[in-house]
Amino acid sequence: DPRRAQSAEDADAMATALQPPEDPAKHPCKKMRLGGRQNALPEEFCIASTKTGRPCSKRKDPDCALPFCRGHREKGDGAFRKVPHPLAGLCLVANFDIPKGYKTVFWGTRKRWRDTENKEGGDYAMSFRTNGGGIDPTTH
C-alpha cells in the first residue's frame, strides 16, 4: 500500500528534536531564533519546521498573510501532526519536543460564533475580539 509506505518513510524521517539547518551559512534566512532552529523573519520566510526538525528554507507565500510557504500552508507545520482521538475526532500533537518560545500559527476559517456554537468542533474555535467571530480550525 503506497500510503503505508509513505507514512513509514515519514516516521523514519521525523526528528526527535528541533534542529538548526544542516549548513547555516547556506540557509537563506540569516536571522534565526531559538539557537538557529527557527526563522526569525516571518515577513519574508516561512516559520514552519520540516518533519526532520529543521527550519524551512523557503520564502513566505506572498499571496497569503500567514507566515508559511505554500507547501506548509497546505500541509501544516512539520513540527505537528494530526492523530485520531477516540472522543474528539482528530488531535494535534508535536512530532518532537517543542522548545519554549517556538512560534506557530493557529488558523482556520473565520466564522460567526453562532455558526460554531453547538456544532461538532465548535468548542475548538477561538475568538480574539469581543463579538469578532471565531476561527474554526476543524475544517483544515
Protein backbone atom coordinates (compact mmCIF):
# COMPACT_ATOMS: atom_id res chain seq x y z
CA ASP A 1 0.00 0.00 0.00
CA PRO A 2 1.62 3.33 -1.06
CA ARG A 3 0.06 5.25 1.85
CA ARG A 4 1.56 2.84 4.37
CA ALA A 5 4.97 3.14 2.67
CA GLN A 6 4.70 6.94 2.76
CA SER A 7 3.85 7.01 6.47
CA ALA A 8 6.73 4.63 7.20
CA GLU A 9 9.09 6.99 5.32
CA ASP A 10 7.68 9.96 7.27
CA ALA A 11 8.21 8.13 10.57
CA ASP A 12 11.82 7.32 9.61
CA ALA A 13 12.46 10.95 8.63
CA MET A 14 10.92 12.51 11.75
CA ALA A 15 13.25 14.14 14.21
CA THR A 16 13.30 13.82 17.97
CA ALA A 17 14.20 17.49 18.50
CA LEU A 18 14.15 20.80 16.67
CA GLN A 19 17.49 21.28 14.89
CA PRO A 20 19.39 24.10 13.18
CA PRO A 21 19.88 23.95 9.38
CA GLU A 22 22.42 21.41 8.11
CA ASP A 23 24.59 24.25 6.78
CA PRO A 24 23.62 27.56 8.45
CA ALA A 25 25.83 29.53 6.02
CA LYS A 26 23.71 28.31 3.07
CA HIS A 27 20.32 28.85 4.72
CA PRO A 28 18.61 31.85 3.04
CA CYS A 29 17.23 33.37 6.27
CA LYS A 30 20.19 34.95 8.04
CA LYS A 31 18.25 35.98 11.15
CA MET A 32 17.31 32.95 13.24
CA ARG A 33 15.63 32.38 16.63
CA LEU A 34 15.90 29.60 19.21
CA GLY A 35 19.58 28.99 18.60
CA GLY A 36 19.19 28.75 14.83
CA ARG A 37 16.22 26.39 14.98
CA GLN A 38 13.51 28.75 13.60
CA ASN A 39 13.42 31.57 11.04
CA ALA A 40 13.07 34.98 12.69
CA LEU A 41 11.81 36.98 9.70
CA PRO A 42 8.15 35.92 9.30
CA GLU A 43 7.53 38.80 6.87
CA GLU A 44 9.93 37.14 4.39
CA PHE A 45 10.47 33.49 5.34
CA CYS A 46 8.33 30.53 6.34
CA ILE A 47 8.44 29.99 10.12
CA ALA A 48 7.47 26.30 9.92
CA SER A 49 9.76 23.35 10.53
CA THR A 50 10.17 20.29 8.38
CA LYS A 51 9.37 16.81 9.70
CA THR A 52 13.10 16.35 10.15
CA GLY A 53 13.08 19.23 12.66
CA ARG A 54 14.97 21.72 10.52
CA PRO A 55 13.70 25.25 9.73
CA CYS A 56 12.02 25.66 6.35
CA SER A 57 14.30 27.31 3.79
CA LYS A 58 11.52 28.70 1.58
CA ARG A 59 10.15 32.20 1.36
CA LYS A 60 6.72 33.07 2.76
CA ASP A 61 3.86 32.83 0.27
CA PRO A 62 3.38 36.47 -0.86
CA ASP A 63 -0.31 35.85 -1.64
CA CYS A 64 -1.16 34.95 1.97
CA ALA A 65 -0.89 36.72 5.33
CA LEU A 66 0.22 33.52 7.11
CA PRO A 67 3.99 33.26 7.66
CA PHE A 68 4.13 29.91 5.80
CA CYS A 69 5.38 28.92 2.37
CA ARG A 70 2.80 27.38 0.01
CA GLY A 71 3.81 23.83 0.97
CA HIS A 72 3.49 24.36 4.71
CA ARG A 73 0.26 26.28 4.27
CA GLU A 74 -1.24 23.25 2.52
CA LYS A 75 0.25 20.52 4.74
CA GLY A 76 0.89 22.37 8.00
CA ASP A 77 3.94 22.89 10.19
CA GLY A 78 6.10 19.75 10.19
CA ALA A 79 6.53 20.13 13.95
CA PHE A 80 2.94 18.90 14.39
CA ARG A 81 0.67 16.20 13.03
CA LYS A 82 -2.97 15.20 13.30
CA VAL A 83 -3.73 11.89 15.01
CA PRO A 84 -7.06 10.18 15.65
CA HIS A 85 -8.57 10.69 19.10
CA PRO A 86 -11.26 8.31 20.41
CA LEU A 87 -13.55 11.13 21.60
CA ALA A 88 -12.52 14.33 19.79
CA GLY A 89 -12.01 13.05 16.23
CA LEU A 90 -8.58 14.47 15.42
CA CYS A 91 -5.99 15.85 17.81
CA LEU A 92 -2.88 17.94 17.09
CA VAL A 93 0.34 16.57 18.64
CA ALA A 94 4.00 17.55 18.43
CA ASN A 95 6.35 15.41 16.33
CA PHE A 96 9.22 16.23 18.69
CA ASP A 97 9.94 18.31 21.78
CA ILE A 98 8.93 21.90 21.06
CA PRO A 99 11.20 24.45 22.78
CA LYS A 100 9.80 27.30 24.82
CA GLY A 101 9.23 30.29 22.54
CA TYR A 102 8.53 28.28 19.36
CA LYS A 103 6.08 30.22 17.18
CA THR A 104 3.42 28.66 15.02
CA VAL A 105 0.09 29.67 13.51
CA PHE A 106 -3.40 28.74 14.71
CA TRP A 107 -5.53 29.16 11.62
CA GLY A 108 -8.79 28.12 10.08
CA THR A 109 -11.99 29.50 8.64
CA ARG A 110 -13.29 32.73 10.18
CA LYS A 111 -16.92 32.26 11.17
CA ARG A 112 -19.61 33.94 13.22
CA TRP A 113 -19.92 32.47 16.73
CA ARG A 114 -23.46 31.33 16.10
CA ASP A 115 -22.16 29.24 13.18
CA THR A 116 -19.81 27.32 15.51
CA GLU A 117 -21.88 27.01 18.69
CA ASN A 118 -23.42 23.63 19.42
CA LYS A 119 -21.87 22.15 16.30
CA GLU A 120 -19.26 19.43 16.07
CA GLY A 121 -15.89 21.09 16.70
CA GLY A 122 -17.48 24.34 17.89
CA ASP A 123 -15.66 24.19 21.20
CA TYR A 124 -12.32 24.24 19.35
CA ALA A 125 -12.95 27.62 17.72
CA MET A 126 -11.09 30.61 19.17
CA SER A 127 -12.13 34.23 19.46
CA PHE A 128 -9.73 37.14 19.69
CA ARG A 129 -12.15 40.08 19.88
CA THR A 130 -15.48 40.51 21.62
CA ASN A 131 -18.20 39.85 19.04
CA GLY A 132 -15.46 39.45 16.43
CA GLY A 133 -16.40 35.95 15.40
CA GLY A 134 -14.12 32.97 15.75
CA ILE A 135 -11.50 30.92 13.95
CA ASP A 136 -12.66 27.35 13.31
CA PRO A 137 -9.66 25.06 12.65
CA THR A 138 -11.71 21.87 12.29
CA THR A 139 -12.11 22.11 8.51
CA HIS A 140 -8.35 22.29 7.77
